[in-house]
Amino acid sequence: MHAACRYPAITALSGVGVLTIFTGAAYAGSATFATTNIQYLHGTRYADFDPEGGFSEDDEAGIITVEHFNTWKYGDNF
């Protein structure tokens, strides 16, 4: 089994990192202020509805959040 199949969150974070590098280079000269935030949250024992019998509390989930904000002479972007 490939490592990408066993660790989908790492694969996703790698893709987001590459995307951030390439898009950051395009805005390097035009932004007067810029900030980017990338977060990964992983948790276990989430309560999830099971249609066959109530709630199950042994689900795992991973959430990736990417936020970017910058200002330039024409306004701002979020």
PDB file of N, CA and C in Angstrom:
ATOM      1  N   MET A   1       0.850  -1.182   0.000  1.00  0.00           N
ATOM      2  CA  MET A   1       0.000   0.000   0.000  1.00  0.00           C
ATOM      3  C   MET A   1       0.890   1.239   0.000  1.00  0.00           C
ATOM      4  N   HIS A   2       0.558   2.202  -0.800  1.00  0.00           N
ATOM      5  CA  HIS A   2       1.335   3.440  -0.886  1.00  0.00           C
ATOM      6  C   HIS A   2       1.166   4.268   0.379  1.00  0.00           C
ATOM      7  N   ALA A   3       2.178   5.048   0.695  1.00  0.00           N
ATOM      8  CA  ALA A   3       2.107   5.924   1.866  1.00  0.00           C
ATOM      9  C   ALA A   3       1.003   6.953   1.713  1.00  0.00           C
ATOM     10  N   ALA A   4       0.711   7.378   0.483  1.00  0.00           N
ATOM     11  CA  ALA A   4      -0.344   8.370   0.254  1.00  0.00           C
ATOM     12  C   ALA A   4      -1.701   7.814   0.635  1.00  0.00           C
ATOM     13  N   CYS A   5      -1.904   6.504   0.468  1.00  0.00           N
ATOM     14  CA  CYS A   5      -3.178   5.888   0.831  1.00  0.00           C
ATOM     15  C   CYS A   5      -3.311   5.742   2.339  1.00  0.00           C
ATOM     16  N   ARG A   6      -2.203   5.489   3.017  1.00  0.00           N
ATOM     17  CA  ARG A   6      -2.247   5.325   4.467  1.00  0.00           C
ATOM     18  C   ARG A   6      -2.333   6.652   5.206  1.00  0.00           C
ATOM     19  N   TYR A   7      -1.818   7.699   4.628  1.00  0.00           N
ATOM     20  CA  TYR A   7      -1.769   9.002   5.288  1.00  0.00           C
ATOM     21  C   TYR A   7      -2.339  10.080   4.366  1.00  0.00           C
ATOM     22  N   PRO A   8      -3.676  10.113   4.168  1.00  0.00           N
ATOM     23  CA  PRO A   8      -4.243  11.100   3.241  1.00  0.00           C
ATOM     24  C   PRO A   8      -4.060  12.538   3.715  1.00  0.00           C
ATOM     25  N   ALA A   9      -3.992  12.753   5.023  1.00  0.00           N
ATOM     26  CA  ALA A   9      -3.827  14.120   5.530  1.00  0.00           C
ATOM     27  C   ALA A   9      -2.454  14.674   5.163  1.00  0.00           C
ATOM     28  N   ILE A  10      -1.430  13.835   5.226  1.00  0.00           N
ATOM     29  CA  ILE A  10      -0.087  14.291   4.862  1.00  0.00           C
ATOM     30  C   ILE A  10      -0.026  14.620   3.379  1.00  0.00           C
ATOM     31  N   THR A  11      -0.694  13.799   2.562  1.00  0.00           N
ATOM     32  CA  THR A  11      -0.743  14.068   1.127  1.00  0.00           C
ATOM     33  C   THR A  11      -1.444  15.393   0.855  1.00  0.00           C
ATOM     34  N   ALA A  12      -2.563  15.633   1.553  1.00  0.00           N
ATOM     35  CA  ALA A  12      -3.305  16.882   1.361  1.00  0.00           C
ATOM     36  C   ALA A  12      -2.477  18.084   1.807  1.00  0.00           C
ATOM     37  N   LEU A  13      -1.802  17.964   2.946  1.00  0.00           N
ATOM     38  CA  LEU A  13      -0.973  19.076   3.425  1.00  0.00           C
ATOM     39  C   LEU A  13       0.186  19.359   2.478  1.00  0.00           C
ATOM     40  N   SER A  14       0.748  18.325   1.894  1.00  0.00           N
ATOM     41  CA  SER A  14       1.821  18.529   0.920  1.00  0.00           C
ATOM     42  C   SER A  14       1.313  19.305  -0.284  1.00  0.00           C
ATOM     43  N   GLY A  15       0.114  18.951  -0.754  1.00  0.00           N
ATOM     44  CA  GLY A  15      -0.476  19.656  -1.890  1.00  0.00           C
ATOM     45  C   GLY A  15      -0.759  21.104  -1.569  1.00  0.00           C
ATOM     46  N   VAL A  16      -1.270  21.358  -0.365  1.00  0.00           N
ATOM     47  CA  VAL A  16      -1.560  22.731   0.052  1.00  0.00           C
ATOM     48  C   VAL A  16      -0.263  23.528   0.164  1.00  0.00           C
ATOM     49  N   GLY A  17       0.794  22.905   0.667  1.00  0.00           N
ATOM     50  CA  GLY A  17       2.079  23.593   0.781  1.00  0.00           C
ATOM     51  C   GLY A  17       2.639  23.994  -0.564  1.00  0.00           C
ATOM     52  N   VAL A  18       2.572  23.098  -1.532  1.00  0.00           N
ATOM     53  CA  VAL A  18       3.057  23.412  -2.883  1.00  0.00           C
ATOM     54  C   VAL A  18       2.222  24.523  -3.499  1.00  0.00           C
ATOM     55  N   LEU A  19       0.906  24.445  -3.330  1.00  0.00           N
ATOM     56  CA  LEU A  19       0.017  25.481  -3.863  1.00  0.00           C
ATOM     57  C   LEU A  19       0.329  26.834  -3.234  1.00  0.00           C
ATOM     58  N   THR A  20       0.574  26.857  -1.937  1.00  0.00           N
ATOM     59  CA  THR A  20       0.891  28.109  -1.246  1.00  0.00           C
ATOM     60  C   THR A  20       2.192  28.716  -1.764  1.00  0.00           C
ATOM     61  N   ILE A  21       3.175  27.892  -2.018  1.00  0.00           N
ATOM     62  CA  ILE A  21       4.457  28.394  -2.528  1.00  0.00           C
ATOM     63  C   ILE A  21       4.281  29.044  -3.891  1.00  0.00           C
ATOM     64  N   PHE A  22       3.545  28.380  -4.789  1.00  0.00           N
ATOM     65  CA  PHE A  22       3.380  28.918  -6.137  1.00  0.00           C
ATOM     66  C   PHE A  22       2.494  30.160  -6.168  1.00  0.00           C
ATOM     67  N   THR A  23       1.421  30.200  -5.369  1.00  0.00           N
ATOM     68  CA  THR A  23       0.572  31.388  -5.374  1.00  0.00           C
ATOM     69  C   THR A  23       1.239  32.539  -4.638  1.00  0.00           C
ATOM     70  N   GLY A  24       2.062  32.262  -3.645  1.00  0.00           N
ATOM     71  CA  GLY A  24       2.770  33.314  -2.929  1.00  0.00           C
ATOM     72  C   GLY A  24       3.763  34.038  -3.810  1.00  0.00           C
ATOM     73  N   ALA A  25       4.387  33.337  -4.719  1.00  0.00           N
ATOM     74  CA  ALA A  25       5.355  33.964  -5.618  1.00  0.00           C
ATOM     75  C   ALA A  25       4.684  34.939  -6.576  1.00  0.00           C
ATOM     76  N   ALA A  26       3.456  34.669  -6.966  1.00  0.00           N
ATOM     77  CA  ALA A  26       2.744  35.544  -7.898  1.00  0.00           C
ATOM     78  C   ALA A  26       2.368  36.870  -7.244  1.00  0.00           C
ATOM     79  N   TYR A  27       2.130  36.874  -5.926  1.00  0.00           N
ATOM     80  CA  TYR A  27       1.698  38.082  -5.239  1.00  0.00           C
ATOM     81  C   TYR A  27       2.843  38.802  -4.529  1.00  0.00           C
ATOM     82  N   ALA A  28       4.049  38.359  -4.693  1.00  0.00           N
ATOM     83  CA  ALA A  28       5.164  38.884  -3.914  1.00  0.00           C
ATOM     84  C   ALA A  28       5.357  40.386  -4.078  1.00  0.00           C
ATOM     85  N   GLY A  29       5.160  40.948  -5.261  1.00  0.00           N
ATOM     86  CA  GLY A  29       5.416  42.358  -5.475  1.00  0.00           C
ATOM     87  C   GLY A  29       4.221  43.259  -5.272  1.00  0.00           C
ATOM     88  N   SER A  30       3.011  42.722  -5.264  1.00  0.00           N
ATOM     89  CA  SER A  30       1.837  43.581  -5.251  1.00  0.00           C
ATOM     90  C   SER A  30       1.222  43.774  -3.869  1.00  0.00           C
ATOM     91  N   ALA A  31       1.447  42.889  -2.919  1.00  0.00           N
ATOM     92  CA  ALA A  31       0.809  42.984  -1.612  1.00  0.00           C
ATOM     93  C   ALA A  31       1.606  43.905  -0.691  1.00  0.00           C
ATOM     94  N   THR A  32       0.885  44.762   0.058  1.00  0.00           N
ATOM     95  CA  THR A  32       1.541  45.583   1.066  1.00  0.00           C
ATOM     96  C   THR A  32       1.570  44.870   2.410  1.00  0.00           C
ATOM     97  N   PHE A  33       0.654  43.935   2.617  1.00  0.00           N
ATOM     98  CA  PHE A  33       0.629  43.096   3.812  1.00  0.00           C
ATOM     99  C   PHE A  33      -0.019  41.782   3.426  1.00  0.00           C
ATOM    100  N   ALA A  34       0.501  40.678   3.925  1.00  0.00           N
ATOM    101  CA  ALA A  34      -0.085  39.368   3.635  1.00  0.00           C
ATOM    102  C   ALA A  34       0.164  38.424   4.798  1.00  0.00           C
ATOM    103  N   THR A  35      -0.812  37.578   5.075  1.00  0.00           N
ATOM    104  CA  THR A  35      -0.663  36.530   6.074  1.00  0.00           C
ATOM    105  C   THR A  35      -1.420  35.298   5.605  1.00  0.00           C
ATOM    106  N   THR A  36      -0.839  34.138   5.835  1.00  0.00           N
ATOM    107  CA  THR A  36      -1.452  32.870   5.467  1.00  0.00           C
ATOM    108  C   THR A  36      -1.397  31.953   6.675  1.00  0.00           C
ATOM    109  N   ASN A  37      -2.499  31.256   6.934  1.00  0.00           N
ATOM    110  CA  ASN A  37      -2.610  30.361   8.066  1.00  0.00           C
ATOM    111  C   ASN A  37      -3.061  29.000   7.557  1.00  0.00           C
ATOM    112  N   ILE A  38      -2.304  27.952   7.864  1.00  0.00           N
ATOM    113  CA  ILE A  38      -2.676  26.586   7.506  1.00  0.00           C
ATOM    114  C   ILE A  38      -2.710  25.771   8.789  1.00  0.00           C
ATOM    115  N   GLN A  39      -3.853  25.095   9.030  1.00  0.00           N
ATOM    116  CA  GLN A  39      -4.003  24.289  10.235  1.00  0.00           C
ATOM    117  C   GLN A  39      -4.502  22.903   9.874  1.00  0.00           C
ATOM    118  N   TYR A  40      -4.090  21.907  10.652  1.00  0.00           N
ATOM    119  CA  TYR A  40      -4.613  20.551  10.513  1.00  0.00           C
ATOM    120  C   TYR A  40      -5.090  20.098  11.882  1.00  0.00           C
ATOM    121  N   LEU A  41      -6.341  19.682  11.965  1.00  0.00           N
ATOM    122  CA  LEU A  41      -6.931  19.204  13.211  1.00  0.00           C
ATOM    123  C   LEU A  41      -7.324  17.749  13.016  1.00  0.00           C
ATOM    124  N   HIS A  42      -6.860  16.896  13.904  1.00  0.00           N
ATOM    125  CA  HIS A  42      -7.203  15.478  13.845  1.00  0.00           C
ATOM    126  C   HIS A  42      -7.785  15.082  15.190  1.00  0.00           C
ATOM    127  N   GLY A  43      -8.883  14.345  15.154  1.00  0.00           N
ATOM    128  CA  GLY A  43      -9.496  13.919  16.397  1.00  0.00           C
ATOM    129  C   GLY A  43     -10.134  12.551  16.267  1.00  0.00           C
ATOM    130  N   THR A  44     -10.342  11.930  17.404  1.00  0.00           N
ATOM    131  CA  THR A  44     -10.990  10.625  17.454  1.00  0.00           C
ATOM    132  C   THR A  44     -12.207  10.722  18.362  1.00  0.00           C
ATOM    133  N   ARG A  45     -13.001   9.696  18.319  1.00  0.00           N
ATOM    134  CA  ARG A  45     -14.209   9.572  19.146  1.00  0.00           C
ATOM    135  C   ARG A  45     -15.225  10.674  18.863  1.00  0.00           C
ATOM    136  N   TYR A  46     -15.385  11.035  17.600  1.00  0.00           N
ATOM    137  CA  TYR A  46     -16.444  11.960  17.216  1.00  0.00           C
ATOM    138  C   TYR A  46     -17.775  11.218  17.212  1.00  0.00           C
ATOM    139  N   ALA A  47     -18.820  11.848  17.695  1.00  0.00           N
ATOM    140  CA  ALA A  47     -20.159  11.262  17.658  1.00  0.00           C
ATOM    141  C   ALA A  47     -20.759  11.521  16.284  1.00  0.00           C
ATOM    142  N   ASP A  48     -21.075  10.459  15.585  1.00  0.00           N
ATOM    143  CA  ASP A  48     -21.620  10.551  14.235  1.00  0.00           C
ATOM    144  C   ASP A  48     -22.899   9.733  14.172  1.00  0.00           C
ATOM    145  N   PHE A  49     -23.908  10.234  13.484  1.00  0.00           N
ATOM    146  CA  PHE A  49     -25.185   9.536  13.392  1.00  0.00           C
ATOM    147  C   PHE A  49     -25.041   8.287  12.539  1.00  0.00           C
ATOM    148  N   ASP A  50     -25.514   7.174  13.065  1.00  0.00           N
ATOM    149  CA  ASP A  50     -25.521   5.900  12.345  1.00  0.00           C
ATOM    150  C   ASP A  50     -26.970   5.548  12.033  1.00  0.00           C
ATOM    151  N   PRO A  51     -27.392   5.524  10.758  1.00  0.00           N
ATOM    152  CA  PRO A  51     -28.793   5.280  10.415  1.00  0.00           C
ATOM    153  C   PRO A  51     -29.315   3.927  10.886  1.00  0.00           C
ATOM    154  N   GLU A  52     -28.427   2.991  11.190  1.00  0.00           N
ATOM    155  CA  GLU A  52     -28.874   1.664  11.599  1.00  0.00           C
ATOM    156  C   GLU A  52     -28.926   1.490  13.111  1.00  0.00           C
ATOM    157  N   GLY A  53     -28.737   2.533  13.861  1.00  0.00           N
ATOM    158  CA  GLY A  53     -28.804   2.332  15.309  1.00  0.00           C
ATOM    159  C   GLY A  53     -28.241   3.452  16.153  1.00  0.00           C
ATOM    160  N   GLY A  54     -28.720   4.650  15.994  1.00  0.00           N
ATOM    161  CA  GLY A  54     -28.326   5.742  16.877  1.00  0.00           C
ATOM    162  C   GLY A  54     -27.037   6.421  16.477  1.00  0.00           C
ATOM    163  N   PHE A  55     -26.180   6.627  17.474  1.00  0.00           N
ATOM    164  CA  PHE A  55     -24.927   7.344  17.252  1.00  0.00           C
ATOM    165  C   PHE A  55     -23.736   6.420  17.483  1.00  0.00           C
ATOM    166  N   SER A  56     -22.729   6.592  16.686  1.00  0.00           N
ATOM    167  CA  SER A  56     -21.467   5.895  16.933  1.00  0.00           C
ATOM    168  C   SER A  56     -20.469   6.936  17.418  1.00  0.00           C
ATOM    169  N   GLU A  57     -19.653   6.563  18.380  1.00  0.00           N
ATOM    170  CA  GLU A  57     -18.715   7.519  18.966  1.00  0.00           C
ATOM    171  C   GLU A  57     -17.262   7.127  18.736  1.00  0.00           C
ATOM    172  N   ASP A  58     -17.000   6.351  17.701  1.00  0.00           N
ATOM    173  CA  ASP A  58     -15.631   5.921  17.463  1.00  0.00           C
ATOM    174  C   ASP A  58     -15.108   6.385  16.107  1.00  0.00           C
ATOM    175  N   ASP A  59     -15.693   7.421  15.566  1.00  0.00           N
ATOM    176  CA  ASP A  59     -15.261   7.934  14.272  1.00  0.00           C
ATOM    177  C   ASP A  59     -14.036   8.827  14.423  1.00  0.00           C
ATOM    178  N   GLU A  60     -13.187   8.821  13.390  1.00  0.00           N
ATOM    179  CA  GLU A  60     -12.035   9.718  13.314  1.00  0.00           C
ATOM    180  C   GLU A  60     -12.299  10.758  12.242  1.00  0.00           C
ATOM    181  N   ALA A  61     -11.712  11.930  12.403  1.00  0.00           N
ATOM    182  CA  ALA A  61     -11.864  12.978  11.395  1.00  0.00           C
ATOM    183  C   ALA A  61     -10.603  13.830  11.358  1.00  0.00           C
ATOM    184  N   GLY A  62     -10.312  14.325  10.172  1.00  0.00           N
ATOM    185  CA  GLY A  62      -9.218  15.262   9.982  1.00  0.00           C
ATOM    186  C   GLY A  62      -9.739  16.466   9.210  1.00  0.00           C
ATOM    187  N   ILE A  63      -9.404  17.654   9.676  1.00  0.00           N
ATOM    188  CA  ILE A  63      -9.896  18.886   9.060  1.00  0.00           C
ATOM    189  C   ILE A  63      -8.700  19.765   8.708  1.00  0.00           C
ATOM    190  N   ILE A  64      -8.657  20.209   7.456  1.00  0.00           N
ATOM    191  CA  ILE A  64      -7.606  21.122   7.007  1.00  0.00           C
ATOM    192  C   ILE A  64      -8.238  22.489   6.769  1.00  0.00           C
ATOM    193  N   THR A  65      -7.660  23.518   7.371  1.00  0.00           N
ATOM    194  CA  THR A  65      -8.138  24.885   7.201  1.00  0.00           C
ATOM    195  C   THR A  65      -7.013  25.714   6.584  1.00  0.00           C
ATOM    196  N   VAL A  66      -7.331  26.408   5.499  1.00  0.00           N
ATOM    197  CA  VAL A  66      -6.369  27.295   4.845  1.00  0.00           C
ATOM    198  C   VAL A  66      -7.005  28.675   4.764  1.00  0.00           C
ATOM    199  N   GLU A  67      -6.344  29.678   5.333  1.00  0.00           N
ATOM    200  CA  GLU A  67      -6.830  31.054   5.287  1.00  0.00           C
ATOM    201  C   GLU A  67      -5.715  31.947   4.748  1.00  0.00           C
ATOM    202  N   HIS A  68      -6.103  32.912   3.941  1.00  0.00           N
ATOM    203  CA  HIS A  68      -5.127  33.864   3.412  1.00  0.00           C
ATOM    204  C   HIS A  68      -5.762  35.250   3.414  1.00  0.00           C
ATOM    205  N   PHE A  69      -4.999  36.247   3.827  1.00  0.00           N
ATOM    206  CA  PHE A  69      -5.462  37.636   3.817  1.00  0.00           C
ATOM    207  C   PHE A  69      -4.317  38.504   3.322  1.00  0.00           C
ATOM    208  N   ASN A  70      -4.637  39.447   2.417  1.00  0.00           N
ATOM    209  CA  ASN A  70      -3.621  40.415   2.008  1.00  0.00           C
ATOM    210  C   ASN A  70      -4.273  41.736   1.648  1.00  0.00           C
ATOM    211  N   THR A  71      -3.469  42.788   1.706  1.00  0.00           N
ATOM    212  CA  THR A  71      -3.926  44.116   1.291  1.00  0.00           C
ATOM    213  C   THR A  71      -3.009  44.600   0.182  1.00  0.00           C
ATOM    214  N   TRP A  72      -3.572  45.407  -0.698  1.00  0.00           N
ATOM    215  CA  TRP A  72      -2.803  46.013  -1.777  1.00  0.00           C
ATOM    216  C   TRP A  72      -3.467  47.321  -2.141  1.00  0.00           C
ATOM    217  N   LYS A  73      -2.956  48.028  -3.135  1.00  0.00           N
ATOM    218  CA  LYS A  73      -3.418  49.390  -3.406  1.00  0.00           C
ATOM    219  C   LYS A  73      -4.881  49.458  -3.839  1.00  0.00           C
ATOM    220  N   TYR A  74      -5.487  48.356  -4.273  1.00  0.00           N
ATOM    221  CA  TYR A  74      -6.887  48.364  -4.692  1.00  0.00           C
ATOM    222  C   TYR A  74      -7.846  47.867  -3.621  1.00  0.00           C
ATOM    223  N   GLY A  75      -7.361  47.492  -2.461  1.00  0.00           N
ATOM    224  CA  GLY A  75      -8.230  47.009  -1.389  1.00  0.00           C
ATOM    225  C   GLY A  75      -7.605  45.831  -0.667  1.00  0.00           C
ATOM    226  N   ASP A  76      -8.456  44.893  -0.262  1.00  0.00           N
ATOM    227  CA  ASP A  76      -7.947  43.719   0.440  1.00  0.00           C
ATOM    228  C   ASP A  76      -8.632  42.454  -0.061  1.00  0.00           C
ATOM    229  N   ASN A  77      -8.021  41.326   0.241  1.00  0.00           N
ATOM    230  CA  ASN A  77      -8.528  40.008  -0.147  1.00  0.00           C
ATOM    231  C   ASN A  77      -8.503  39.100   1.068  1.00  0.00           C
ATOM    232  N   PHE A  78      -9.550  38.287   1.209  1.00  0.00           N
ATOM    233  CA  PHE A  78      -9.571  37.280   2.267  1.00  0.00           C
ATOM    234  C   PHE A  78      -9.947  35.967   1.638  1.00  0.00           C
TER     235      PHE A  78
END
